[in-house]
Protein backbone atom coordinates (compact mmCIF):
# COMPACT_ATOMS: atom_id res chain seq x y z
CA UNK A 1 3.51 31.05 41.69
CA UNK A 2 2.30 30.52 38.18
CA UNK A 3 -0.43 28.07 37.58
CA UNK A 4 -0.09 25.75 34.67
CA UNK A 5 -2.74 25.75 32.01
CA UNK A 6 -4.45 22.39 31.58
CA UNK A 7 -3.92 20.77 28.20
CA UNK A 8 -7.58 20.95 27.31
CA UNK A 9 -7.29 24.71 27.17
CA UNK A 10 -4.28 24.52 24.89
CA UNK A 11 -5.49 25.78 21.46
CA UNK A 12 -2.88 23.83 19.52
CA UNK A 13 -3.77 20.61 21.35
CA UNK A 14 -7.44 21.17 20.70
CA UNK A 15 -6.84 21.75 16.97
CA UNK A 16 -4.67 18.64 16.74
CA UNK A 17 -7.37 16.64 18.54
CA UNK A 18 -9.95 17.77 15.99
CA UNK A 19 -7.58 16.89 13.16
CA UNK A 20 -7.02 13.40 14.56
CA UNK A 21 -10.79 12.89 14.94
CA UNK A 22 -11.42 14.15 11.40
CA UNK A 23 -8.74 11.88 9.93
CA UNK A 24 -10.19 8.93 11.85
CA UNK A 25 -13.70 9.65 10.55
CA UNK A 26 -12.46 10.05 6.99
CA UNK A 27 -10.30 6.95 7.27
CA UNK A 28 -13.16 4.83 8.54
CA UNK A 29 -15.46 6.20 5.83
CA UNK A 30 -12.91 5.51 3.12
CA UNK A 31 -12.32 2.02 4.48
CA UNK A 32 -16.04 1.24 4.53
CA UNK A 33 -16.43 2.64 1.04
CA UNK A 34 -13.60 0.46 -0.19
CA UNK A 35 -15.03 -2.61 1.51
CA UNK A 36 -18.57 -2.14 0.17
CA UNK A 37 -17.26 -1.23 -3.26
CA UNK A 38 -15.25 -4.46 -3.31
CA UNK A 39 -18.29 -6.46 -2.22
CA UNK A 40 -20.34 -4.87 -4.98
CA UNK A 41 -17.66 -5.75 -7.51
CA UNK A 42 -17.78 -9.38 -6.34
CA UNK A 43 -21.57 -9.46 -6.77
CA UNK A 44 -21.30 -8.01 -10.27
CA UNK A 45 -18.56 -10.52 -11.11
CA UNK A 46 -20.75 -13.39 -9.88
CA UNK A 47 -23.59 -12.14 -12.07
CA UNK A 48 -21.28 -12.08 -15.08
CA UNK A 49 -20.22 -15.63 -14.26
CA UNK A 50 -23.88 -16.60 -14.59
CA UNK A 51 -24.00 -14.73 -17.88
CA UNK A 52 -20.97 -16.64 -19.14
CA UNK A 53 -22.60 -19.89 -18.06
CA UNK A 54 -25.80 -18.89 -19.83
CA UNK A 55 -23.86 -18.17 -23.03
CA UNK A 56 -21.31 -20.98 -23.01
CA UNK A 57 -22.65 -23.94 -21.06
CA UNK A 58 -25.40 -24.70 -23.53
CA UNK A 59 -28.17 -23.06 -21.54
CA UNK A 60 -28.65 -20.45 -24.26
CA UNK A 61 -28.94 -23.18 -26.90
CA UNK A 62 -31.57 -25.00 -24.88
CA UNK A 63 -33.37 -21.77 -24.11
CA UNK A 64 -33.31 -20.71 -27.75
CA UNK A 65 -34.52 -24.12 -28.98
CA UNK A 66 -37.55 -23.92 -26.69
CA UNK A 67 -38.30 -20.31 -27.64
CA UNK A 68 -38.00 -21.17 -31.34
CA UNK A 69 -40.44 -24.06 -30.90
CA UNK A 70 -42.88 -21.75 -29.17
CA UNK A 71 -42.51 -19.04 -31.83
CA UNK A 72 -43.29 -21.58 -34.55
CA UNK A 73 -46.61 -22.36 -32.82
CA UNK A 74 -47.34 -18.87 -31.46
CA UNK A 75 -49.92 -18.03 -34.14
CA UNK A 76 -51.67 -21.36 -33.62
CA UNK A 77 -51.82 -20.79 -29.85
CA UNK A 78 -53.12 -17.24 -30.33
CA UNK A 79 -55.84 -18.56 -32.64
CA UNK A 80 -56.84 -21.11 -30.01
CA UNK A 81 -57.17 -18.34 -27.48
CA UNK A 82 -59.33 -16.26 -29.81
CA UNK A 83 -61.51 -19.18 -30.94
CA UNK A 84 -62.21 -20.37 -27.40
CA UNK A 85 -62.35 -17.07 -25.54
CA UNK A 86 -65.91 -17.80 -24.42
CA UNK A 87 -65.05 -21.19 -22.95
CA UNK A 88 -62.10 -20.46 -20.64
CA UNK A 89 -61.61 -24.04 -19.45
CA UNK A 90 -61.47 -25.41 -22.97
CA UNK A 91 -59.14 -22.61 -24.05
CA UNK A 92 -56.77 -23.23 -21.15
CA UNK A 93 -56.79 -26.98 -21.79
CA UNK A 94 -56.00 -26.60 -25.49
CA UNK A 95 -53.26 -24.03 -24.90
CA UNK A 96 -51.70 -26.22 -22.22
CA UNK A 97 -51.79 -29.26 -24.52
CA UNK A 98 -50.07 -27.25 -27.25
CA UNK A 99 -47.32 -26.11 -24.90
CA UNK A 100 -46.88 -29.62 -23.51
CA UNK A 101 -46.44 -30.89 -27.06
CA UNK A 102 -43.57 -28.44 -27.54
CA UNK A 103 -41.81 -29.77 -24.45
CA UNK A 104 -42.55 -33.40 -25.35
CA UNK A 105 -40.35 -33.19 -28.45
CA UNK A 106 -36.87 -34.76 -28.45
CA UNK A 107 -34.82 -33.51 -25.50
CA UNK A 108 -37.56 -30.99 -24.69
CA UNK A 109 -37.95 -31.94 -21.05
CA UNK A 110 -34.18 -31.99 -20.53
CA UNK A 111 -33.85 -28.55 -22.14
CA UNK A 112 -36.77 -27.21 -20.14
CA UNK A 113 -35.36 -28.52 -16.86
CA UNK A 114 -31.91 -27.07 -17.61
CA UNK A 115 -33.36 -23.62 -18.27
CA UNK A 116 -35.47 -23.69 -15.11
CA UNK A 117 -32.51 -24.89 -13.04
CA UNK A 118 -30.40 -22.04 -14.38
CA UNK A 119 -33.01 -19.44 -13.40
CA UNK A 120 -33.48 -21.08 -9.99
CA UNK A 121 -29.75 -20.78 -9.30
CA UNK A 122 -29.62 -17.20 -10.56
CA UNK A 123 -32.60 -16.12 -8.47
CA UNK A 124 -31.09 -17.72 -5.35
CA UNK A 125 -27.81 -15.92 -6.02
CA UNK A 126 -29.56 -12.53 -6.34
CA UNK A 127 -31.87 -13.21 -3.40
CA UNK A 128 -28.93 -13.98 -1.11
CA UNK A 129 -26.99 -10.89 -2.31
CA UNK A 130 -24.26 -13.00 -3.88
CA UNK A 131 -25.14 -11.58 -7.31
CA UNK A 132 -25.95 -8.00 -8.20
CA UNK A 133 -29.65 -7.26 -8.63
CA UNK A 134 -29.26 -4.50 -11.23
CA UNK A 135 -26.82 -6.51 -13.33
CA UNK A 136 -29.20 -9.49 -13.23
CA UNK A 137 -32.03 -7.24 -14.40
CA UNK A 138 -29.95 -5.94 -17.29
CA UNK A 139 -28.74 -9.37 -18.37
CA UNK A 140 -31.58 -11.77 -17.57
CA UNK A 141 -34.88 -9.96 -17.12
CA UNK A 142 -35.84 -10.02 -20.81
CA UNK A 143 -34.99 -13.72 -21.35
CA UNK A 144 -36.90 -14.60 -18.17
CA UNK A 145 -39.95 -12.60 -19.27
CA UNK A 146 -39.85 -14.19 -22.71
CA UNK A 147 -39.56 -17.71 -21.34
CA UNK A 148 -42.23 -17.16 -18.68
CA UNK A 149 -44.71 -15.77 -21.18
CA UNK A 150 -44.17 -18.77 -23.45
CA UNK A 151 -44.05 -21.58 -20.89
CA UNK A 152 -45.69 -20.02 -17.83
CA UNK A 153 -48.98 -21.90 -18.30
CA UNK A 154 -47.11 -25.21 -18.28
CA UNK A 155 -45.19 -24.28 -15.12
CA UNK A 156 -48.38 -23.22 -13.37
CA UNK A 157 -50.10 -26.46 -14.37
CA UNK A 158 -47.23 -28.50 -12.90
CA UNK A 159 -47.41 -26.46 -9.70
CA UNK A 160 -51.15 -27.09 -9.44
CA UNK A 161 -51.01 -30.76 -10.38
CA UNK A 162 -48.24 -31.70 -7.96
CA UNK A 163 -48.86 -29.03 -5.30
CA UNK A 164 -45.28 -27.86 -5.73
CA UNK A 165 -45.22 -24.11 -5.26
CA UNK A 166 -41.43 -23.98 -5.73
CA UNK A 167 -41.40 -25.32 -9.30
CA UNK A 168 -40.29 -22.54 -11.65
CA UNK A 169 -39.98 -20.00 -8.86
CA UNK A 170 -36.55 -18.84 -9.99
CA UNK A 171 -37.87 -18.00 -13.44
CA UNK A 172 -40.72 -15.94 -12.02
CA UNK A 173 -38.44 -14.21 -9.50
CA UNK A 174 -35.97 -13.30 -12.24
CA UNK A 175 -38.81 -12.04 -14.40
CA UNK A 176 -40.04 -9.87 -11.53
CA UNK A 177 -36.65 -8.31 -10.75
CA UNK A 178 -36.60 -4.54 -11.04
CA UNK A 179 -33.69 -2.14 -10.87
CA UNK A 180 -33.26 -0.46 -7.55
CA UNK A 181 -31.15 2.39 -6.40
CA UNK A 182 -28.12 1.39 -4.43
CA UNK A 183 -24.99 3.17 -3.37
CA UNK A 184 -23.19 -0.12 -3.99
């Protein structure tokens, strides 16, 4: 009597089993790639929505008005810093008063609050991976650095005065963003 060969010893069956396993692995990999690629596209799209808001919703106008005010007084503020470099407390007080005067102008506080709110929302979006980090760096890092260098002393004074460590956090987080390597 002939004994039958078990299927596991069948070379064709074994090859087909490997092919099925390989197709499954490739299919799962391709599916995951597609999923993560789609998620990345959504994050980039959300970041561009913030960019559109920055450009069209008046945030840029408010931002630019505040930066222009600061630039008009930049030489004066630099001179204060040079003149009072020996007396740090006096220097800081005078610089802070100068910056507060820029915000105290017509609609200054409203403009300032709108810009800070925008950066708070953007930073929360990036922090929660709803917006793309690298796109946010490319689009918003420079404006955040510029705004923080101009109005940072005022923000820090508000934080100290009212013991509110969250005030202006989004601006500083956006300023601190750095590009990072990511597959998606």
